[in-house]
Protein backbone atom coordinates (compact mmCIF):
# COMPACT_ATOMS: atom_id res chain seq x y z
CA UNK A 1 3.73 3.77 -0.03
CA UNK A 2 1.37 4.67 -2.82
CA UNK A 3 -2.26 3.92 -3.27
CA UNK A 4 -3.58 3.11 -6.71
CA UNK A 5 -4.71 6.61 -7.64
CA UNK A 6 -4.49 7.18 -11.38
CA UNK A 7 -1.83 9.86 -10.89
CA UNK A 8 0.48 7.20 -9.43
CA UNK A 9 0.22 5.17 -12.64
CA UNK A 10 0.36 8.02 -15.17
CA UNK A 11 3.10 8.56 -17.77
CA UNK A 12 4.54 11.58 -15.99
CA UNK A 13 4.93 9.72 -12.72
CA UNK A 14 6.21 6.51 -14.30
CA UNK A 15 8.81 8.54 -16.17
CA UNK A 16 10.29 9.69 -12.84
CA UNK A 17 10.38 6.33 -11.08
CA UNK A 18 13.90 5.51 -12.26
CA UNK A 19 15.09 8.91 -11.05
CA UNK A 20 13.58 8.25 -7.64
CA UNK A 21 15.13 4.79 -7.45
CA UNK A 22 18.52 6.32 -8.31
CA UNK A 23 18.38 8.52 -5.21
CA UNK A 24 17.24 5.69 -2.95
CA UNK A 25 13.48 6.20 -2.99
CA UNK A 26 11.73 2.84 -3.17
CA UNK A 27 8.07 2.89 -4.13
CA UNK A 28 5.61 0.31 -2.87
CA UNK A 29 2.01 0.13 -3.99
CA UNK A 30 -0.79 -0.79 -1.63
CA UNK A 31 -2.97 -3.69 -2.79
CA UNK A 32 -6.04 -2.67 -4.81
CA UNK A 33 -9.18 -1.96 -2.79
CA UNK A 34 -7.41 -1.78 0.57
CA UNK A 35 -8.41 1.57 2.09
CA UNK A 36 -7.81 0.18 5.59
CA UNK A 37 -4.08 0.16 4.82
CA UNK A 38 -4.01 3.81 3.76
CA UNK A 39 -4.06 5.96 6.91
CA UNK A 40 -5.49 9.02 5.17
CA UNK A 41 -8.54 6.99 4.11
CA UNK A 42 -9.49 6.54 7.77
CA UNK A 43 -9.20 10.29 8.31
CA UNK A 44 -11.22 11.04 5.18
CA UNK A 45 -13.93 8.61 6.27
CA UNK A 46 -14.23 10.37 9.64
CA UNK A 47 -14.24 13.79 8.02
CA UNK A 48 -16.83 12.76 5.44
CA UNK A 49 -19.30 11.07 7.76
CA UNK A 50 -18.74 12.83 11.08
CA UNK A 51 -17.38 16.31 10.41
CA UNK A 52 -19.26 17.13 7.21
CA UNK A 53 -22.90 16.19 7.77
CA UNK A 54 -24.10 18.33 4.84
CA UNK A 55 -23.96 16.18 1.70
CA UNK A 56 -24.45 18.83 -1.02
CA UNK A 57 -22.98 22.28 -1.61
CA UNK A 58 -24.12 24.99 -3.98
CA UNK A 59 -20.64 26.17 -4.92
CA UNK A 60 -17.05 25.03 -5.04
CA UNK A 61 -16.20 27.70 -2.47
CA UNK A 62 -18.81 26.30 -0.05
CA UNK A 63 -17.35 22.82 -0.44
CA UNK A 64 -13.81 24.15 0.03
CA UNK A 65 -14.83 25.98 3.20
CA UNK A 66 -16.61 22.90 4.57
CA UNK A 67 -13.62 20.63 3.89
CA UNK A 68 -11.22 23.15 5.41
CA UNK A 69 -13.38 23.49 8.52
CA UNK A 70 -13.76 19.72 8.88
CA UNK A 71 -10.04 19.07 8.44
CA UNK A 72 -9.22 21.75 11.02
CA UNK A 73 -11.66 20.15 13.47
CA UNK A 74 -10.15 16.72 12.86
CA UNK A 75 -6.59 18.05 13.29
CA UNK A 76 -7.58 19.76 16.54
CA UNK A 77 -9.18 16.56 17.82
CA UNK A 78 -6.11 14.50 16.93
CA UNK A 79 -3.76 17.05 18.52
CA UNK A 80 -5.84 17.18 21.68
CA UNK A 81 -5.86 13.39 21.91
CA UNK A 82 -2.09 13.25 21.40
CA UNK A 83 -1.57 15.89 24.10
CA UNK A 84 -3.77 13.93 26.52
CA UNK A 85 -1.81 10.76 25.85
CA UNK A 86 1.48 12.56 26.58
CA UNK A 87 0.28 13.70 30.00
CA UNK A 88 -1.20 10.35 30.97
């Protein structure tokens, strides 16, 4: 499943689609403007609005650190939830 990111429609990617089909990889595009169907969009929304309350960073490194911290927190929360569900 692919979203409609520009990289998924670029020449380089399109040039490899036949190769992928030849080895049994079938590509399906999500409908335009359908973030609810792309699971990572739900994660990004949570990270953006819950785990990264600061909206501006003074350097790329600050932003990188904030994203890394937020993704680690989200992964820990998801892992903890999954572990709780296993024991229930």
